[in-house]
Amino acid sequence: MDFYGYPVSQAADITAFGAKLIPVGEDQLPLIEQCREIVRKFNSIYGEVLVEPEAVLSSSKRIKGLDGNEKMGKSLGNAIYISDSEEEINRKVMSAVTDTNRIKKDDLGNPDVCMVYYYHKLFTENEKCENVCKECKEGKRGCVACKKELAHNISEFLKPMREKRAYFEARPEEVDKILIEGTEKARKKAKETMEKVKKAMKLDYFI
């Protein structure tokens, strides 16, 4: 029942705050479209009251798991987290799926079927990434060295976020303050939206 009503609940979360742009992954597009349909239907009956949101996708619409699975997830054990230490990232990347047809370092590789190269395209600078591809195809790059370089790049990319997370973990009172202030702002905005909704539906006496 929770999953059945989830799209409506999500639509309420979005429209209550008048959100215009919603950053999501590709898998969330159907839910955003359903929200848009709900807004269009409501507005067609009661006037232009709710904001119709638009989904915003990054260049990486959907990221595969380290094991090659189309979905990255905690339950699948194939994901990297902001909270992962450098050691954890190294361990996870070392287990990433590579070109199974490549046995020796000097064997010519196929980067297109290698998850390590897939992640290099996400975390390694373009010029260096092109070099990774070239050396792999020419059999000049070993998988272990390639994984170590990737692990380093991922760790460096996540380092500022990891440090900020550690900062707030050590200051729970500051986190509480941020949450309380955010809640008050959200409550005020949602109240304004509900006043417009009730007025449009002729339910002013509930305000």
C-alpha atoms as a PDB file:
ATOM      1  CA  MET A   1       0.000   0.000   0.000  1.00  0.00           C
ATOM      2  CA  ASP A   2       2.906   2.359   0.774  1.00  0.00           C
ATOM      3  CA  PHE A   3       4.371   1.833  -2.689  1.00  0.00           C
ATOM      4  CA  TYR A   4       0.935   2.269  -4.263  1.00  0.00           C
ATOM      5  CA  GLY A   5       0.529   5.728  -2.751  1.00  0.00           C
ATOM      6  CA  TYR A   6       4.172   6.769  -3.046  1.00  0.00           C
ATOM      7  CA  PRO A   7       3.829   8.694  -6.359  1.00  0.00           C
ATOM      8  CA  VAL A   8       1.047  10.834  -4.868  1.00  0.00           C
ATOM      9  CA  SER A   9       3.052  11.408  -1.693  1.00  0.00           C
ATOM     10  CA  GLN A  10       6.063  12.435  -3.777  1.00  0.00           C
ATOM     11  CA  ALA A  11       3.887  14.789  -5.832  1.00  0.00           C
ATOM     12  CA  ALA A  12       2.671  16.398  -2.595  1.00  0.00           C
ATOM     13  CA  ASP A  13       6.257  16.870  -1.401  1.00  0.00           C
ATOM     14  CA  ILE A  14       7.183  18.593  -4.659  1.00  0.00           C
ATOM     15  CA  THR A  15       4.121  20.790  -5.161  1.00  0.00           C
ATOM     16  CA  ALA A  16       3.877  21.889  -1.518  1.00  0.00           C
ATOM     17  CA  PHE A  17       7.063  23.886  -1.952  1.00  0.00           C
ATOM     18  CA  GLY A  18       6.465  25.130  -5.488  1.00  0.00           C
ATOM     19  CA  ALA A  19       9.520  23.296  -6.802  1.00  0.00           C
ATOM     20  CA  LYS A  20      10.242  24.080 -10.458  1.00  0.00           C
ATOM     21  CA  LEU A  21      13.331  21.970 -11.173  1.00  0.00           C
ATOM     22  CA  ILE A  22      13.769  18.477  -9.707  1.00  0.00           C
ATOM     23  CA  PRO A  23      17.239  16.877  -9.968  1.00  0.00           C
ATOM     24  CA  VAL A  24      16.684  13.128 -10.359  1.00  0.00           C
ATOM     25  CA  GLY A  25      18.127   9.996 -11.842  1.00  0.00           C
ATOM     26  CA  GLU A  26      16.690   8.488 -15.000  1.00  0.00           C
ATOM     27  CA  ASP A  27      14.744   5.889 -13.008  1.00  0.00           C
ATOM     28  CA  GLN A  28      12.710   8.659 -11.353  1.00  0.00           C
ATOM     29  CA  LEU A  29      11.428  10.197 -14.595  1.00  0.00           C
ATOM     30  CA  PRO A  30       8.119   8.250 -14.612  1.00  0.00           C
ATOM     31  CA  LEU A  31       7.345   9.469 -11.077  1.00  0.00           C
ATOM     32  CA  ILE A  32       8.111  13.081 -11.986  1.00  0.00           C
ATOM     33  CA  GLU A  33       5.902  12.787 -15.053  1.00  0.00           C
ATOM     34  CA  GLN A  34       3.098  11.426 -12.899  1.00  0.00           C
ATOM     35  CA  CYS A  35       3.529  14.443 -10.616  1.00  0.00           C
ATOM     36  CA  ARG A  36       3.275  16.711 -13.663  1.00  0.00           C
ATOM     37  CA  GLU A  37       0.072  14.966 -14.718  1.00  0.00           C
ATOM     38  CA  ILE A  38      -1.426  15.464 -11.262  1.00  0.00           C
ATOM     39  CA  VAL A  39      -0.527  19.165 -11.363  1.00  0.00           C
ATOM     40  CA  ARG A  40      -1.962  19.597 -14.859  1.00  0.00           C
ATOM     41  CA  LYS A  41      -5.208  17.904 -13.836  1.00  0.00           C
ATOM     42  CA  PHE A  42      -5.541  19.992 -10.684  1.00  0.00           C
ATOM     43  CA  ASN A  43      -4.805  23.227 -12.514  1.00  0.00           C
ATOM     44  CA  SER A  44      -7.250  22.384 -15.293  1.00  0.00           C
ATOM     45  CA  ILE A  45     -10.005  22.205 -12.682  1.00  0.00           C
ATOM     46  CA  TYR A  46      -9.021  24.921 -10.191  1.00  0.00           C
ATOM     47  CA  GLY A  47      -6.827  27.296 -12.200  1.00  0.00           C
ATOM     48  CA  GLU A  48      -3.081  27.842 -12.279  1.00  0.00           C
ATOM     49  CA  VAL A  49      -2.460  27.144  -8.607  1.00  0.00           C
ATOM     50  CA  LEU A  50       0.321  24.568  -8.518  1.00  0.00           C
ATOM     51  CA  VAL A  51       3.711  24.796 -10.200  1.00  0.00           C
ATOM     52  CA  GLU A  52       4.345  22.127 -12.824  1.00  0.00           C
ATOM     53  CA  PRO A  53       7.869  20.819 -12.140  1.00  0.00           C
ATOM     54  CA  GLU A  54      10.485  19.716 -14.632  1.00  0.00           C
ATOM     55  CA  ALA A  55      13.014  16.931 -14.161  1.00  0.00           C
ATOM     56  CA  VAL A  56      16.690  17.813 -14.431  1.00  0.00           C
ATOM     57  CA  LEU A  57      19.145  15.084 -15.424  1.00  0.00           C
ATOM     58  CA  SER A  58      22.910  15.233 -15.132  1.00  0.00           C
ATOM     59  CA  SER A  59      25.214  13.929 -17.853  1.00  0.00           C
ATOM     60  CA  SER A  60      25.257  10.638 -15.910  1.00  0.00           C
ATOM     61  CA  LYS A  61      21.563   9.751 -15.944  1.00  0.00           C
ATOM     62  CA  ARG A  62      22.042   6.333 -14.409  1.00  0.00           C
ATOM     63  CA  ILE A  63      25.218   4.905 -12.859  1.00  0.00           C
ATOM     64  CA  LYS A  64      25.906   1.206 -12.982  1.00  0.00           C
ATOM     65  CA  GLY A  65      27.220  -0.793 -10.035  1.00  0.00           C
ATOM     66  CA  LEU A  66      30.855  -1.823  -9.725  1.00  0.00           C
ATOM     67  CA  ASP A  67      29.782  -5.359 -10.609  1.00  0.00           C
ATOM     68  CA  GLY A  68      28.305  -4.248 -13.931  1.00  0.00           C
ATOM     69  CA  ASN A  69      24.732  -4.393 -12.712  1.00  0.00           C
ATOM     70  CA  GLU A  70      22.526  -1.754 -14.364  1.00  0.00           C
ATOM     71  CA  LYS A  71      21.521  -0.593 -10.897  1.00  0.00           C
ATOM     72  CA  MET A  72      23.786   0.572  -8.104  1.00  0.00           C
ATOM     73  CA  GLY A  73      22.359  -0.095  -4.656  1.00  0.00           C
ATOM     74  CA  LYS A  74      23.151  -0.751  -1.023  1.00  0.00           C
ATOM     75  CA  SER A  75      21.307  -4.067  -1.032  1.00  0.00           C
ATOM     76  CA  LEU A  76      23.389  -5.210  -4.011  1.00  0.00           C
ATOM     77  CA  GLY A  77      26.690  -4.330  -2.345  1.00  0.00           C
ATOM     78  CA  ASN A  78      27.996  -2.680  -5.512  1.00  0.00           C
ATOM     79  CA  ALA A  79      27.931   0.989  -4.545  1.00  0.00           C
ATOM     80  CA  ILE A  80      30.418   3.599  -3.350  1.00  0.00           C
ATOM     81  CA  TYR A  81      29.307   6.029  -0.645  1.00  0.00           C
ATOM     82  CA  ILE A  82      30.390   9.530   0.330  1.00  0.00           C
ATOM     83  CA  SER A  83      31.151   8.177   3.797  1.00  0.00           C
ATOM     84  CA  ASP A  84      33.507   5.464   2.479  1.00  0.00           C
ATOM     85  CA  SER A  85      37.071   5.805   3.671  1.00  0.00           C
ATOM     86  CA  GLU A  86      40.001   5.731   1.263  1.00  0.00           C
ATOM     87  CA  GLU A  87      40.621   2.115   2.281  1.00  0.00           C
ATOM     88  CA  GLU A  88      37.004   1.133   1.624  1.00  0.00           C
ATOM     89  CA  ILE A  89      37.056   2.768  -1.788  1.00  0.00           C
ATOM     90  CA  ASN A  90      40.277   0.920  -2.664  1.00  0.00           C
ATOM     91  CA  ARG A  91      38.764  -2.381  -1.590  1.00  0.00           C
ATOM     92  CA  LYS A  92      35.575  -1.850  -3.573  1.00  0.00           C
ATOM     93  CA  VAL A  93      37.306  -0.664  -6.735  1.00  0.00           C
ATOM     94  CA  MET A  94      39.721  -3.601  -6.637  1.00  0.00           C
ATOM     95  CA  SER A  95      36.688  -5.899  -6.873  1.00  0.00           C
ATOM     96  CA  ALA A  96      35.219  -4.093  -9.886  1.00  0.00           C
ATOM     97  CA  VAL A  97      34.475  -6.177 -12.984  1.00  0.00           C
ATOM     98  CA  THR A  98      36.983  -5.818 -15.827  1.00  0.00           C
ATOM     99  CA  ASP A  99      37.368  -7.338 -19.314  1.00  0.00           C
ATOM    100  CA  THR A 100      36.975 -11.060 -18.585  1.00  0.00           C
ATOM    101  CA  ASN A 101      38.772 -11.974 -21.822  1.00  0.00           C
ATOM    102  CA  ARG A 102      41.917 -10.221 -20.704  1.00  0.00           C
ATOM    103  CA  ILE A 103      44.179 -12.620 -18.827  1.00  0.00           C
ATOM    104  CA  LYS A 104      47.642 -11.066 -18.882  1.00  0.00           C
ATOM    105  CA  LYS A 105      48.702  -7.423 -18.630  1.00  0.00           C
ATOM    106  CA  ASP A 106      49.974  -7.438 -22.216  1.00  0.00           C
ATOM    107  CA  ASP A 107      46.686  -8.755 -23.608  1.00  0.00           C
ATOM    108  CA  LEU A 108      44.780  -6.246 -25.715  1.00  0.00           C
ATOM    109  CA  GLY A 109      41.835  -5.000 -23.674  1.00  0.00           C
ATOM    110  CA  ASN A 110      38.332  -3.857 -24.464  1.00  0.00           C
ATOM    111  CA  PRO A 111      37.546  -0.827 -22.266  1.00  0.00           C
ATOM    112  CA  ASP A 112      33.921  -0.775 -23.392  1.00  0.00           C
ATOM    113  CA  VAL A 113      33.119  -3.893 -21.337  1.00  0.00           C
ATOM    114  CA  CYS A 114      35.221  -2.858 -18.336  1.00  0.00           C
ATOM    115  CA  MET A 115      33.565  -1.258 -15.306  1.00  0.00           C
ATOM    116  CA  VAL A 116      36.859   0.319 -14.289  1.00  0.00           C
ATOM    117  CA  TYR A 117      36.976   2.307 -17.515  1.00  0.00           C
ATOM    118  CA  TYR A 118      33.262   3.081 -17.117  1.00  0.00           C
ATOM    119  CA  TYR A 119      34.073   4.758 -13.800  1.00  0.00           C
ATOM    120  CA  HIS A 120      37.188   6.414 -15.193  1.00  0.00           C
ATOM    121  CA  LYS A 121      34.858   8.269 -17.564  1.00  0.00           C
ATOM    122  CA  LEU A 122      33.018   9.590 -14.525  1.00  0.00           C
ATOM    123  CA  PHE A 123      35.930  10.474 -12.255  1.00  0.00           C
ATOM    124  CA  THR A 124      39.020  10.946 -14.437  1.00  0.00           C
ATOM    125  CA  GLU A 125      39.914  14.031 -16.457  1.00  0.00           C
ATOM    126  CA  ASN A 126      39.069  13.706 -20.163  1.00  0.00           C
ATOM    127  CA  GLU A 127      42.641  13.677 -21.450  1.00  0.00           C
ATOM    128  CA  LYS A 128      43.787  11.139 -18.862  1.00  0.00           C
ATOM    129  CA  CYS A 129      40.694   9.044 -19.469  1.00  0.00           C
ATOM    130  CA  GLU A 130      41.461   8.899 -23.185  1.00  0.00           C
ATOM    131  CA  ASN A 131      44.948   7.726 -22.300  1.00  0.00           C
ATOM    132  CA  VAL A 132      43.492   4.999 -20.085  1.00  0.00           C
ATOM    133  CA  CYS A 133      41.419   3.768 -23.022  1.00  0.00           C
ATOM    134  CA  LYS A 134      44.349   3.889 -25.450  1.00  0.00           C
ATOM    135  CA  GLU A 135      46.798   2.064 -23.157  1.00  0.00           C
ATOM    136  CA  CYS A 136      44.225  -0.611 -22.347  1.00  0.00           C
ATOM    137  CA  LYS A 137      43.519  -1.322 -26.004  1.00  0.00           C
ATOM    138  CA  GLU A 138      47.256  -1.511 -26.725  1.00  0.00           C
ATOM    139  CA  GLY A 139      47.939  -3.832 -23.795  1.00  0.00           C
ATOM    140  CA  LYS A 140      50.123  -1.252 -22.072  1.00  0.00           C
ATOM    141  CA  ARG A 141      48.039  -0.866 -18.920  1.00  0.00           C
ATOM    142  CA  GLY A 142      47.472  -3.515 -16.289  1.00  0.00           C
ATOM    143  CA  CYS A 143      44.088  -3.831 -14.580  1.00  0.00           C
ATOM    144  CA  VAL A 144      45.559  -3.542 -11.062  1.00  0.00           C
ATOM    145  CA  ALA A 145      47.335  -0.263 -11.833  1.00  0.00           C
ATOM    146  CA  CYS A 146      44.231   0.987 -13.597  1.00  0.00           C
ATOM    147  CA  LYS A 147      42.083   0.206 -10.544  1.00  0.00           C
ATOM    148  CA  LYS A 148      44.511   1.903  -8.171  1.00  0.00           C
ATOM    149  CA  GLU A 149      44.453   5.063 -10.271  1.00  0.00           C
ATOM    150  CA  LEU A 150      40.663   5.015 -10.370  1.00  0.00           C
ATOM    151  CA  ALA A 151      40.387   4.465  -6.611  1.00  0.00           C
ATOM    152  CA  HIS A 152      42.659   7.453  -6.043  1.00  0.00           C
ATOM    153  CA  ASN A 153      40.607   9.655  -8.362  1.00  0.00           C
ATOM    154  CA  ILE A 154      37.332   8.683  -6.710  1.00  0.00           C
ATOM    155  CA  SER A 155      38.762   9.239  -3.250  1.00  0.00           C
ATOM    156  CA  GLU A 156      40.049  12.692  -4.218  1.00  0.00           C
ATOM    157  CA  PHE A 157      36.686  13.588  -5.753  1.00  0.00           C
ATOM    158  CA  LEU A 158      34.819  12.574  -2.587  1.00  0.00           C
ATOM    159  CA  LYS A 159      37.365  13.998  -0.142  1.00  0.00           C
ATOM    160  CA  PRO A 160      35.733  17.461   0.285  1.00  0.00           C
ATOM    161  CA  MET A 161      32.320  15.843   0.841  1.00  0.00           C
ATOM    162  CA  ARG A 162      33.783  13.301   3.248  1.00  0.00           C
ATOM    163  CA  GLU A 163      35.455  16.105   5.219  1.00  0.00           C
ATOM    164  CA  LYS A 164      32.239  18.128   5.359  1.00  0.00           C
ATOM    165  CA  ARG A 165      30.335  15.068   6.531  1.00  0.00           C
ATOM    166  CA  ALA A 166      32.904  14.505   9.283  1.00  0.00           C
ATOM    167  CA  TYR A 167      32.600  18.174  10.265  1.00  0.00           C
ATOM    168  CA  PHE A 168      28.848  17.903  10.826  1.00  0.00           C
ATOM    169  CA  GLU A 169      29.092  14.488  12.486  1.00  0.00           C
ATOM    170  CA  ALA A 170      31.281  16.119  15.130  1.00  0.00           C
ATOM    171  CA  ARG A 171      28.778  18.977  15.594  1.00  0.00           C
ATOM    172  CA  PRO A 172      25.303  17.451  16.096  1.00  0.00           C
ATOM    173  CA  GLU A 173      23.986  20.642  17.699  1.00  0.00           C
ATOM    174  CA  GLU A 174      24.757  22.546  14.494  1.00  0.00           C
ATOM    175  CA  VAL A 175      22.933  19.900  12.467  1.00  0.00           C
ATOM    176  CA  ASP A 176      19.903  20.186  14.758  1.00  0.00           C
ATOM    177  CA  LYS A 177      19.869  23.959  14.266  1.00  0.00           C
ATOM    178  CA  ILE A 178      19.999  23.603  10.469  1.00  0.00           C
ATOM    179  CA  LEU A 179      17.172  21.043  10.514  1.00  0.00           C
ATOM    180  CA  ILE A 180      14.979  23.192  12.756  1.00  0.00           C
ATOM    181  CA  GLU A 181      15.508  26.307  10.638  1.00  0.00           C
ATOM    182  CA  GLY A 182      14.901  24.338   7.438  1.00  0.00           C
ATOM    183  CA  THR A 183      11.727  22.825   8.870  1.00  0.00           C
ATOM    184  CA  GLU A 184      10.364  26.247   9.768  1.00  0.00           C
ATOM    185  CA  LYS A 185      11.041  27.573   6.262  1.00  0.00           C
ATOM    186  CA  ALA A 186       9.448  24.488   4.709  1.00  0.00           C
ATOM    187  CA  ARG A 187       6.400  24.713   6.971  1.00  0.00           C
ATOM    188  CA  LYS A 188       5.884  28.383   6.053  1.00  0.00           C
ATOM    189  CA  LYS A 189       6.133  27.685   2.310  1.00  0.00           C
ATOM    190  CA  ALA A 190       3.836  24.649   2.497  1.00  0.00           C
ATOM    191  CA  LYS A 191       1.273  26.677   4.456  1.00  0.00           C
ATOM    192  CA  GLU A 192       1.254  29.349   1.746  1.00  0.00           C
ATOM    193  CA  THR A 193       0.678  26.692  -0.909  1.00  0.00           C
ATOM    194  CA  MET A 194      -2.152  25.067   1.035  1.00  0.00           C
ATOM    195  CA  GLU A 195      -3.848  28.423   1.491  1.00  0.00           C
ATOM    196  CA  LYS A 196      -3.850  28.882  -2.297  1.00  0.00           C
ATOM    197  CA  VAL A 197      -5.115  25.324  -2.825  1.00  0.00           C
ATOM    198  CA  LYS A 198      -7.971  25.671  -0.308  1.00  0.00           C
ATOM    199  CA  LYS A 199      -8.983  29.040  -1.709  1.00  0.00           C
ATOM    200  CA  ALA A 200      -9.060  27.632  -5.241  1.00  0.00           C
ATOM    201  CA  MET A 201     -11.143  24.666  -4.048  1.00  0.00           C
ATOM    202  CA  LYS A 202     -13.519  26.953  -2.087  1.00  0.00           C
ATOM    203  CA  LEU A 203     -12.397  25.437   1.193  1.00  0.00           C
ATOM    204  CA  ASP A 204     -11.347  28.754   2.742  1.00  0.00           C
ATOM    205  CA  TYR A 205     -13.071  27.975   6.023  1.00  0.00           C
ATOM    206  CA  PHE A 206     -10.407  25.309   6.664  1.00  0.00           C
ATOM    207  CA  ILE A 207      -7.653  27.953   6.541  1.00  0.00           C
END
